[in-house]
Amino acid sequence: MTERSRKLEKSARRAWVTGASAGIGAAFARRLAQEHFDLALVARSRERLDALASDMSQAHGVTCDVVAADLTVPAQLQSVAELIEGDTALELLVNNAGFGTVGPFAELDPDHEEEEIRLNVVALTRLTRAALPGMIERGRGAIINVSSMAAFQPAPQNATYAATKAFVNSFTEALHEELRGTGVQVQVLCPGFTRTEFQDRAGIDVSSLPGFMWMTAEAVVEASLAGLRSGDVVCVPGLGNRLFATAIGAMPRALVRRLAGAAGKQFVSGAG
């Protein structure tokens, strides 16, 4: 944690974005800056965060606080949670930080799998818990938990990632019911294939996927914020993704597992 992150600038309303250094997180930061939110940007890469914060401040005149932290480290997660808990200007929390792994589960590094669960599940849960009491007391605010289309089915060769995202979906939908009447919104955002660094970092070969299956990070963010304004609890950006999610829900689970397994093997073998 840096000196700059220990005391936030005063703000009328602030959005916190985790995993803000690239991809969907950076796209959220840019879009929210356009809507004149002050920002608190969280990621491990301070250099990237500083560059993004400078761009947003110059382009839109907003205040951008940089919080360089690794949310898989308990002490650093606790520090971020305390900042969020004490932020009376907090209007929106975007829990975007996360990563995936591919390959047969029995062959993957167990420590790395545990880190994946810590980031995708534990950090998201802890930061949500930090944000909610203040939002409920103020009678306003929103939390967007970034999930994935992988949440809708088991994903052989991608087992831990899909399981963490299934948790995010269930957790967020449950919170929606708990928060009825409080003025606080929650949304689970389930993007499909999005042009970010995610696939390269996870080691997934997507070279065979046609262009129509992809969305930009900016389009995903626009769909999410439009859905939040409409009160959508589960946001699946893109017509094709929504049709796919509906079809998956209607299929026998055994068939879903087999199809997902075949797709997973193709991605892993292609990456090799």
C-alpha atoms as a PDB file:
ATOM      1  CA  MET A   1       0.000   0.000   0.000  1.00  0.00           C
ATOM      2  CA  THR A   2       1.262   3.477  -0.851  1.00  0.00           C
ATOM      3  CA  GLU A   3       1.134   6.777   1.028  1.00  0.00           C
ATOM      4  CA  ARG A   4      -1.238   8.134  -1.570  1.00  0.00           C
ATOM      5  CA  SER A   5      -3.698   5.323  -0.899  1.00  0.00           C
ATOM      6  CA  ARG A   6      -3.863   5.786   2.874  1.00  0.00           C
ATOM      7  CA  LYS A   7      -5.936   8.973   2.726  1.00  0.00           C
ATOM      8  CA  LEU A   8      -8.504   9.535   0.035  1.00  0.00           C
ATOM      9  CA  GLU A   9      -9.193  12.918  -1.484  1.00  0.00           C
ATOM     10  CA  LYS A  10     -12.504  14.501  -0.512  1.00  0.00           C
ATOM     11  CA  SER A  11     -15.209  13.802  -3.069  1.00  0.00           C
ATOM     12  CA  ALA A  12     -18.919  14.289  -3.653  1.00  0.00           C
ATOM     13  CA  ARG A  13     -19.222  10.781  -5.101  1.00  0.00           C
ATOM     14  CA  ARG A  14     -16.632   8.150  -5.788  1.00  0.00           C
ATOM     15  CA  ALA A  15     -16.441   4.859  -7.662  1.00  0.00           C
ATOM     16  CA  TRP A  16     -13.992   2.148  -6.654  1.00  0.00           C
ATOM     17  CA  VAL A  17     -12.795  -0.200  -9.415  1.00  0.00           C
ATOM     18  CA  THR A  18     -10.641  -3.246  -8.709  1.00  0.00           C
ATOM     19  CA  GLY A  19      -8.556  -4.799 -11.444  1.00  0.00           C
ATOM     20  CA  ALA A  20      -8.529  -1.322 -12.949  1.00  0.00           C
ATOM     21  CA  SER A  21      -5.187  -1.457 -14.745  1.00  0.00           C
ATOM     22  CA  ALA A  22      -6.469  -3.084 -17.956  1.00  0.00           C
ATOM     23  CA  GLY A  23      -9.423  -4.618 -19.787  1.00  0.00           C
ATOM     24  CA  ILE A  24     -12.925  -4.296 -18.387  1.00  0.00           C
ATOM     25  CA  GLY A  25     -11.661  -2.568 -15.237  1.00  0.00           C
ATOM     26  CA  ALA A  26      -9.896   0.174 -17.189  1.00  0.00           C
ATOM     27  CA  ALA A  27     -12.955   0.554 -19.426  1.00  0.00           C
ATOM     28  CA  PHE A  28     -15.141   1.029 -16.330  1.00  0.00           C
ATOM     29  CA  ALA A  29     -12.728   3.666 -15.039  1.00  0.00           C
ATOM     30  CA  ARG A  30     -12.790   5.616 -18.302  1.00  0.00           C
ATOM     31  CA  ARG A  31     -16.577   5.461 -18.619  1.00  0.00           C
ATOM     32  CA  LEU A  32     -17.197   6.468 -15.008  1.00  0.00           C
ATOM     33  CA  ALA A  33     -14.767   9.360 -15.334  1.00  0.00           C
ATOM     34  CA  GLN A  34     -16.851  10.558 -18.291  1.00  0.00           C
ATOM     35  CA  GLU A  35     -19.849  10.522 -15.934  1.00  0.00           C
ATOM     36  CA  HIS A  36     -17.817  12.700 -13.518  1.00  0.00           C
ATOM     37  CA  PHE A  37     -17.261  10.120 -10.817  1.00  0.00           C
ATOM     38  CA  ASP A  38     -14.109  10.604  -8.808  1.00  0.00           C
ATOM     39  CA  LEU A  39     -12.233   7.310  -8.825  1.00  0.00           C
ATOM     40  CA  ALA A  40     -10.256   5.002  -6.588  1.00  0.00           C
ATOM     41  CA  LEU A  41      -8.373   2.554  -8.790  1.00  0.00           C
ATOM     42  CA  VAL A  42      -7.084  -0.739  -7.382  1.00  0.00           C
ATOM     43  CA  ALA A  43      -4.637  -3.177  -8.993  1.00  0.00           C
ATOM     44  CA  ARG A  44      -1.156  -4.576  -8.474  1.00  0.00           C
ATOM     45  CA  SER A  45       0.506  -2.487 -11.198  1.00  0.00           C
ATOM     46  CA  ARG A  46       1.111   0.986  -9.800  1.00  0.00           C
ATOM     47  CA  GLU A  47       2.694   2.161 -13.054  1.00  0.00           C
ATOM     48  CA  ARG A  48      -0.396   1.328 -15.090  1.00  0.00           C
ATOM     49  CA  LEU A  49      -2.714   2.818 -12.478  1.00  0.00           C
ATOM     50  CA  ASP A  50      -0.739   6.065 -12.361  1.00  0.00           C
ATOM     51  CA  ALA A  51      -0.907   6.389 -16.151  1.00  0.00           C
ATOM     52  CA  LEU A  52      -4.669   5.736 -16.189  1.00  0.00           C
ATOM     53  CA  ALA A  53      -5.291   8.113 -13.287  1.00  0.00           C
ATOM     54  CA  SER A  54      -3.328  10.874 -15.017  1.00  0.00           C
ATOM     55  CA  ASP A  55      -5.286  10.383 -18.240  1.00  0.00           C
ATOM     56  CA  MET A  56      -8.649  10.477 -16.449  1.00  0.00           C
ATOM     57  CA  SER A  57      -7.765  13.552 -14.412  1.00  0.00           C
ATOM     58  CA  GLN A  58      -6.576  15.490 -17.452  1.00  0.00           C
ATOM     59  CA  ALA A  59      -9.426  14.414 -19.728  1.00  0.00           C
ATOM     60  CA  HIS A  60     -12.343  14.811 -17.318  1.00  0.00           C
ATOM     61  CA  GLY A  61     -11.141  16.856 -14.358  1.00  0.00           C
ATOM     62  CA  VAL A  62     -11.906  14.109 -11.849  1.00  0.00           C
ATOM     63  CA  THR A  63      -9.856  13.056  -8.837  1.00  0.00           C
ATOM     64  CA  CYS A  64      -8.241   9.636  -9.222  1.00  0.00           C
ATOM     65  CA  ASP A  65      -6.752   7.931  -6.173  1.00  0.00           C
ATOM     66  CA  VAL A  66      -4.379   5.048  -6.857  1.00  0.00           C
ATOM     67  CA  VAL A  67      -4.373   2.049  -4.519  1.00  0.00           C
ATOM     68  CA  ALA A  68      -1.612  -0.352  -5.513  1.00  0.00           C
ATOM     69  CA  ALA A  69      -2.465  -3.622  -3.776  1.00  0.00           C
ATOM     70  CA  ASP A  70      -2.459  -7.382  -4.282  1.00  0.00           C
ATOM     71  CA  LEU A  71      -5.900  -8.507  -3.124  1.00  0.00           C
ATOM     72  CA  THR A  72      -4.752 -12.109  -2.703  1.00  0.00           C
ATOM     73  CA  VAL A  73      -2.567 -10.974   0.227  1.00  0.00           C
ATOM     74  CA  PRO A  74      -4.752 -10.819   3.377  1.00  0.00           C
ATOM     75  CA  ALA A  75      -3.070  -7.760   4.888  1.00  0.00           C
ATOM     76  CA  GLN A  76      -3.378  -5.765   1.664  1.00  0.00           C
ATOM     77  CA  LEU A  77      -6.990  -6.861   1.173  1.00  0.00           C
ATOM     78  CA  GLN A  78      -7.741  -5.749   4.730  1.00  0.00           C
ATOM     79  CA  SER A  79      -6.199  -2.323   4.048  1.00  0.00           C
ATOM     80  CA  VAL A  80      -8.332  -1.825   0.927  1.00  0.00           C
ATOM     81  CA  ALA A  81     -11.441  -3.023   2.771  1.00  0.00           C
ATOM     82  CA  GLU A  82     -10.823  -0.458   5.524  1.00  0.00           C
ATOM     83  CA  LEU A  83     -10.492   2.347   2.974  1.00  0.00           C
ATOM     84  CA  ILE A  84     -13.753   1.337   1.312  1.00  0.00           C
ATOM     85  CA  GLU A  85     -15.535   0.976   4.640  1.00  0.00           C
ATOM     86  CA  GLY A  86     -14.510   4.484   5.664  1.00  0.00           C
ATOM     87  CA  ASP A  87     -15.307   6.168   2.329  1.00  0.00           C
ATOM     88  CA  THR A  88     -18.458   8.240   2.879  1.00  0.00           C
ATOM     89  CA  ALA A  89     -18.372   9.347  -0.785  1.00  0.00           C
ATOM     90  CA  LEU A  90     -18.648   5.764  -2.064  1.00  0.00           C
ATOM     91  CA  GLU A  91     -21.434   5.476  -4.647  1.00  0.00           C
ATOM     92  CA  LEU A  92     -20.292   2.541  -6.774  1.00  0.00           C
ATOM     93  CA  LEU A  93     -17.997  -0.439  -6.228  1.00  0.00           C
ATOM     94  CA  VAL A  94     -16.936  -2.479  -9.244  1.00  0.00           C
ATOM     95  CA  ASN A  95     -15.450  -5.798  -8.132  1.00  0.00           C
ATOM     96  CA  ASN A  96     -13.637  -6.623 -11.351  1.00  0.00           C
ATOM     97  CA  ALA A  97     -10.309  -8.115 -10.212  1.00  0.00           C
ATOM     98  CA  GLY A  98      -9.959 -11.779 -11.120  1.00  0.00           C
ATOM     99  CA  PHE A  99      -8.086 -14.328 -13.182  1.00  0.00           C
ATOM    100  CA  GLY A 100      -8.515 -17.808 -14.632  1.00  0.00           C
ATOM    101  CA  THR A 101      -6.458 -20.951 -15.079  1.00  0.00           C
ATOM    102  CA  VAL A 102      -6.770 -23.728 -17.658  1.00  0.00           C
ATOM    103  CA  GLY A 103      -5.820 -27.374 -17.749  1.00  0.00           C
ATOM    104  CA  PRO A 104      -6.726 -30.595 -15.934  1.00  0.00           C
ATOM    105  CA  PHE A 105      -7.324 -29.630 -12.312  1.00  0.00           C
ATOM    106  CA  ALA A 106      -5.189 -32.485 -10.957  1.00  0.00           C
ATOM    107  CA  GLU A 107      -2.182 -31.100 -12.852  1.00  0.00           C
ATOM    108  CA  LEU A 108      -2.501 -27.436 -11.896  1.00  0.00           C
ATOM    109  CA  ASP A 109      -0.458 -25.688  -9.191  1.00  0.00           C
ATOM    110  CA  PRO A 110      -2.597 -25.921  -6.027  1.00  0.00           C
ATOM    111  CA  ASP A 111      -1.179 -22.674  -4.636  1.00  0.00           C
ATOM    112  CA  HIS A 112      -2.145 -20.817  -7.814  1.00  0.00           C
ATOM    113  CA  GLU A 113      -5.645 -22.339  -7.699  1.00  0.00           C
ATOM    114  CA  GLU A 114      -5.993 -21.124  -4.115  1.00  0.00           C
ATOM    115  CA  GLU A 115      -4.890 -17.621  -5.161  1.00  0.00           C
ATOM    116  CA  GLU A 116      -7.587 -17.722  -7.848  1.00  0.00           C
ATOM    117  CA  ILE A 117     -10.220 -18.487  -5.220  1.00  0.00           C
ATOM    118  CA  ARG A 118      -8.857 -15.784  -2.919  1.00  0.00           C
ATOM    119  CA  LEU A 119      -9.092 -13.136  -5.631  1.00  0.00           C
ATOM    120  CA  ASN A 120     -12.263 -14.193  -7.436  1.00  0.00           C
ATOM    121  CA  VAL A 121     -14.256 -15.099  -4.310  1.00  0.00           C
ATOM    122  CA  VAL A 122     -12.686 -14.004  -1.021  1.00  0.00           C
ATOM    123  CA  ALA A 123     -11.611 -10.510  -2.096  1.00  0.00           C
ATOM    124  CA  LEU A 124     -14.904  -9.820  -3.839  1.00  0.00           C
ATOM    125  CA  THR A 125     -16.865 -10.978  -0.797  1.00  0.00           C
ATOM    126  CA  ARG A 126     -14.751  -9.002   1.643  1.00  0.00           C
ATOM    127  CA  LEU A 127     -14.924  -5.748  -0.322  1.00  0.00           C
ATOM    128  CA  THR A 128     -18.663  -6.123  -0.829  1.00  0.00           C
ATOM    129  CA  ARG A 129     -19.039  -6.548   2.922  1.00  0.00           C
ATOM    130  CA  ALA A 130     -16.910  -3.446   3.488  1.00  0.00           C
ATOM    131  CA  ALA A 131     -19.042  -1.337   1.147  1.00  0.00           C
ATOM    132  CA  LEU A 132     -22.570  -2.371   2.091  1.00  0.00           C
ATOM    133  CA  PRO A 133     -23.102  -1.006   5.625  1.00  0.00           C
ATOM    134  CA  GLY A 134     -22.272   2.557   4.615  1.00  0.00           C
ATOM    135  CA  MET A 135     -24.367   2.322   1.462  1.00  0.00           C
ATOM    136  CA  ILE A 136     -27.329   0.988   3.439  1.00  0.00           C
ATOM    137  CA  GLU A 137     -26.957   3.757   6.032  1.00  0.00           C
ATOM    138  CA  ARG A 138     -26.881   6.415   3.287  1.00  0.00           C
ATOM    139  CA  GLY A 139     -29.774   4.755   1.432  1.00  0.00           C
ATOM    140  CA  ARG A 140     -27.988   4.675  -1.913  1.00  0.00           C
ATOM    141  CA  GLY A 141     -25.158   3.093  -3.846  1.00  0.00           C
ATOM    142  CA  ALA A 142     -24.457   0.157  -6.115  1.00  0.00           C
ATOM    143  CA  ILE A 143     -22.094  -2.780  -6.437  1.00  0.00           C
ATOM    144  CA  ILE A 144     -21.239  -4.460  -9.732  1.00  0.00           C
ATOM    145  CA  ASN A 145     -19.669  -7.892  -9.340  1.00  0.00           C
ATOM    146  CA  VAL A 146     -17.963  -8.979 -12.552  1.00  0.00           C
ATOM    147  CA  SER A 147     -18.644 -12.636 -13.269  1.00  0.00           C
ATOM    148  CA  SER A 148     -18.548 -14.505 -16.587  1.00  0.00           C
ATOM    149  CA  MET A 149     -20.572 -16.617 -18.970  1.00  0.00           C
ATOM    150  CA  ALA A 150     -18.558 -19.464 -17.428  1.00  0.00           C
ATOM    151  CA  ALA A 151     -20.776 -19.120 -14.345  1.00  0.00           C
ATOM    152  CA  PHE A 152     -23.715 -20.757 -16.130  1.00  0.00           C
ATOM    153  CA  GLN A 153     -22.134 -24.188 -16.579  1.00  0.00           C
ATOM    154  CA  PRO A 154     -19.320 -26.332 -15.211  1.00  0.00           C
ATOM    155  CA  ALA A 155     -16.168 -25.830 -17.283  1.00  0.00           C
ATOM    156  CA  PRO A 156     -13.850 -28.847 -17.517  1.00  0.00           C
ATOM    157  CA  GLN A 157     -10.263 -27.644 -18.070  1.00  0.00           C
ATOM    158  CA  ASN A 158     -11.338 -24.369 -16.453  1.00  0.00           C
ATOM    159  CA  ALA A 159     -12.945 -25.862 -13.363  1.00  0.00           C
ATOM    160  CA  THR A 160     -11.852 -23.487 -10.611  1.00  0.00           C
ATOM    161  CA  TYR A 161     -12.571 -20.347 -12.603  1.00  0.00           C
ATOM    162  CA  ALA A 162     -16.113 -21.387 -13.546  1.00  0.00           C
ATOM    163  CA  ALA A 163     -16.817 -22.457  -9.971  1.00  0.00           C
ATOM    164  CA  THR A 164     -15.675 -19.099  -8.591  1.00  0.00           C
ATOM    165  CA  LYS A 165     -17.919 -17.277 -11.032  1.00  0.00           C
ATOM    166  CA  ALA A 166     -20.885 -19.488 -10.138  1.00  0.00           C
ATOM    167  CA  PHE A 167     -20.324 -18.332  -6.558  1.00  0.00           C
ATOM    168  CA  VAL A 168     -20.336 -14.692  -7.692  1.00  0.00           C
ATOM    169  CA  ASN A 169     -23.673 -15.144  -9.469  1.00  0.00           C
ATOM    170  CA  SER A 170     -25.367 -16.880  -6.548  1.00  0.00           C
ATOM    171  CA  PHE A 171     -23.908 -14.473  -3.982  1.00  0.00           C
ATOM    172  CA  THR A 172     -24.990 -11.367  -5.883  1.00  0.00           C
ATOM    173  CA  GLU A 173     -28.520 -12.596  -6.567  1.00  0.00           C
ATOM    174  CA  ALA A 174     -28.926 -13.434  -2.877  1.00  0.00           C
ATOM    175  CA  LEU A 175     -27.753  -9.967  -1.887  1.00  0.00           C
ATOM    176  CA  HIS A 176     -30.284  -8.418  -4.255  1.00  0.00           C
ATOM    177  CA  GLU A 177     -33.100  -9.967  -2.228  1.00  0.00           C
ATOM    178  CA  GLU A 178     -31.521  -8.936   1.079  1.00  0.00           C
ATOM    179  CA  LEU A 179     -31.203  -5.338  -0.123  1.00  0.00           C
ATOM    180  CA  ARG A 180     -34.790  -4.807  -1.278  1.00  0.00           C
ATOM    181  CA  GLY A 181     -36.063  -1.483  -0.005  1.00  0.00           C
ATOM    182  CA  THR A 182     -32.656  -0.171   1.071  1.00  0.00           C
ATOM    183  CA  GLY A 183     -31.946   1.953  -2.005  1.00  0.00           C
ATOM    184  CA  VAL A 184     -28.786  -0.087  -2.690  1.00  0.00           C
ATOM    185  CA  GLN A 185     -28.416  -1.996  -5.956  1.00  0.00           C
ATOM    186  CA  VAL A 186     -26.302  -5.002  -6.848  1.00  0.00           C
ATOM    187  CA  GLN A 187     -25.606  -6.423 -10.286  1.00  0.00           C
ATOM    188  CA  VAL A 188     -23.721  -9.463 -11.495  1.00  0.00           C
ATOM    189  CA  LEU A 189     -22.121  -8.809 -14.884  1.00  0.00           C
ATOM    190  CA  CYS A 190     -21.562 -11.914 -17.030  1.00  0.00           C
ATOM    191  CA  PRO A 191     -19.551 -11.063 -20.154  1.00  0.00           C
ATOM    192  CA  GLY A 192     -18.656 -13.603 -22.789  1.00  0.00           C
ATOM    193  CA  PHE A 193     -15.520 -13.423 -24.916  1.00  0.00           C
ATOM    194  CA  THR A 194     -14.159  -9.908 -24.466  1.00  0.00           C
ATOM    195  CA  ARG A 195     -11.079  -8.436 -26.107  1.00  0.00           C
ATOM    196  CA  THR A 196      -8.801  -8.020 -23.086  1.00  0.00           C
ATOM    197  CA  GLU A 197      -5.576  -9.551 -21.771  1.00  0.00           C
ATOM    198  CA  PHE A 198      -7.543 -12.214 -19.866  1.00  0.00           C
ATOM    199  CA  GLN A 199      -7.190 -15.053 -22.382  1.00  0.00           C
ATOM    200  CA  ASP A 200      -3.452 -14.587 -22.836  1.00  0.00           C
ATOM    201  CA  ARG A 201      -2.866 -14.519 -19.090  1.00  0.00           C
ATOM    202  CA  ALA A 202      -4.954 -17.669 -18.605  1.00  0.00           C
ATOM    203  CA  GLY A 203      -3.201 -19.488 -21.459  1.00  0.00           C
ATOM    204  CA  ILE A 204      -6.386 -19.968 -23.479  1.00  0.00           C
ATOM    205  CA  ASP A 205      -6.035 -20.288 -27.262  1.00  0.00           C
ATOM    206  CA  VAL A 206      -8.987 -18.461 -28.810  1.00  0.00           C
ATOM    207  CA  SER A 207      -7.546 -18.051 -32.295  1.00  0.00           C
ATOM    208  CA  SER A 208     -10.246 -20.269 -33.804  1.00  0.00           C
ATOM    209  CA  LEU A 209     -13.146 -18.188 -32.463  1.00  0.00           C
ATOM    210  CA  PRO A 210     -14.919 -16.084 -35.120  1.00  0.00           C
ATOM    211  CA  GLY A 211     -15.078 -12.332 -34.748  1.00  0.00           C
ATOM    212  CA  PHE A 212     -18.827 -12.189 -34.131  1.00  0.00           C
ATOM    213  CA  MET A 213     -18.362 -13.978 -30.772  1.00  0.00           C
ATOM    214  CA  TRP A 214     -16.290 -11.128 -29.360  1.00  0.00           C
ATOM    215  CA  MET A 215     -17.224  -7.884 -27.629  1.00  0.00           C
ATOM    216  CA  THR A 216     -15.073  -4.927 -26.695  1.00  0.00           C
ATOM    217  CA  ALA A 217     -14.553  -4.056 -23.040  1.00  0.00           C
ATOM    218  CA  GLU A 218     -16.238  -0.713 -23.726  1.00  0.00           C
ATOM    219  CA  ALA A 219     -19.394  -2.419 -25.046  1.00  0.00           C
ATOM    220  CA  VAL A 220     -19.500  -4.670 -21.972  1.00  0.00           C
ATOM    221  CA  VAL A 221     -19.271  -1.663 -19.661  1.00  0.00           C
ATOM    222  CA  GLU A 222     -22.000   0.220 -21.554  1.00  0.00           C
ATOM    223  CA  ALA A 223     -24.313  -2.798 -21.225  1.00  0.00           C
ATOM    224  CA  SER A 224     -23.554  -3.072 -17.521  1.00  0.00           C
ATOM    225  CA  LEU A 225     -24.258   0.572 -16.723  1.00  0.00           C
ATOM    226  CA  ALA A 226     -27.405   0.567 -18.861  1.00  0.00           C
ATOM    227  CA  GLY A 227     -28.543  -2.544 -17.002  1.00  0.00           C
ATOM    228  CA  LEU A 228     -27.820  -0.903 -13.667  1.00  0.00           C
ATOM    229  CA  ARG A 229     -29.998   2.074 -14.642  1.00  0.00           C
ATOM    230  CA  SER A 230     -32.764  -0.384 -15.602  1.00  0.00           C
ATOM    231  CA  GLY A 231     -32.438  -2.350 -12.371  1.00  0.00           C
ATOM    232  CA  ASP A 232     -31.148  -5.542 -14.005  1.00  0.00           C
ATOM    233  CA  VAL A 233     -29.665  -7.905 -11.431  1.00  0.00           C
ATOM    234  CA  VAL A 234     -28.062 -10.306 -13.931  1.00  0.00           C
ATOM    235  CA  CYS A 235     -26.508  -8.543 -16.918  1.00  0.00           C
ATOM    236  CA  VAL A 236     -25.414 -10.680 -19.876  1.00  0.00           C
ATOM    237  CA  PRO A 237     -24.044  -8.330 -22.559  1.00  0.00           C
ATOM    238  CA  GLY A 238     -24.700  -9.234 -26.175  1.00  0.00           C
ATOM    239  CA  LEU A 239     -27.676 -10.950 -27.798  1.00  0.00           C
ATOM    240  CA  GLY A 240     -25.671 -14.046 -28.690  1.00  0.00           C
ATOM    241  CA  ASN A 241     -24.514 -14.461 -25.104  1.00  0.00           C
ATOM    242  CA  ARG A 242     -28.061 -14.066 -23.787  1.00  0.00           C
ATOM    243  CA  LEU A 243     -29.356 -16.704 -26.199  1.00  0.00           C
ATOM    244  CA  PHE A 244     -26.523 -19.027 -25.194  1.00  0.00           C
ATOM    245  CA  ALA A 245     -27.249 -18.567 -21.478  1.00  0.00           C
ATOM    246  CA  THR A 246     -30.926 -19.332 -22.071  1.00  0.00           C
ATOM    247  CA  ALA A 247     -30.098 -22.444 -24.102  1.00  0.00           C
ATOM    248  CA  ILE A 248     -27.676 -23.715 -21.458  1.00  0.00           C
ATOM    249  CA  GLY A 249     -30.376 -23.383 -18.825  1.00  0.00           C
ATOM    250  CA  ALA A 250     -32.749 -25.547 -20.866  1.00  0.00           C
ATOM    251  CA  MET A 251     -30.291 -28.366 -21.630  1.00  0.00           C
ATOM    252  CA  PRO A 252     -29.825 -31.523 -19.544  1.00  0.00           C
ATOM    253  CA  ARG A 253     -26.849 -31.070 -17.223  1.00  0.00           C
ATOM    254  CA  ALA A 254     -25.109 -34.170 -18.550  1.00  0.00           C
ATOM    255  CA  LEU A 255     -25.172 -32.720 -22.067  1.00  0.00           C
ATOM    256  CA  VAL A 256     -23.939 -29.348 -20.801  1.00  0.00           C
ATOM    257  CA  ARG A 257     -20.966 -31.028 -19.109  1.00  0.00           C
ATOM    258  CA  ARG A 258     -20.046 -32.986 -22.232  1.00  0.00           C
ATOM    259  CA  LEU A 259     -20.246 -29.964 -24.513  1.00  0.00           C
ATOM    260  CA  ALA A 260     -18.288 -27.806 -22.088  1.00  0.00           C
ATOM    261  CA  GLY A 261     -15.676 -30.538 -21.732  1.00  0.00           C
ATOM    262  CA  ALA A 262     -15.200 -30.802 -25.479  1.00  0.00           C
ATOM    263  CA  ALA A 263     -14.808 -27.043 -25.785  1.00  0.00           C
ATOM    264  CA  GLY A 264     -12.342 -26.945 -22.902  1.00  0.00           C
ATOM    265  CA  LYS A 265     -10.141 -29.605 -24.428  1.00  0.00           C
ATOM    266  CA  GLN A 266     -10.049 -27.677 -27.718  1.00  0.00           C
ATOM    267  CA  PHE A 267      -8.836 -24.502 -26.006  1.00  0.00           C
ATOM    268  CA  VAL A 268      -6.176 -26.344 -24.002  1.00  0.00           C
ATOM    269  CA  SER A 269      -4.877 -28.424 -26.904  1.00  0.00           C
ATOM    270  CA  GLY A 270      -4.757 -25.346 -29.117  1.00  0.00           C
ATOM    271  CA  ALA A 271      -2.737 -23.485 -26.507  1.00  0.00           C
ATOM    272  CA  GLY A 272      -0.195 -26.280 -26.389  1.00  0.00           C
END
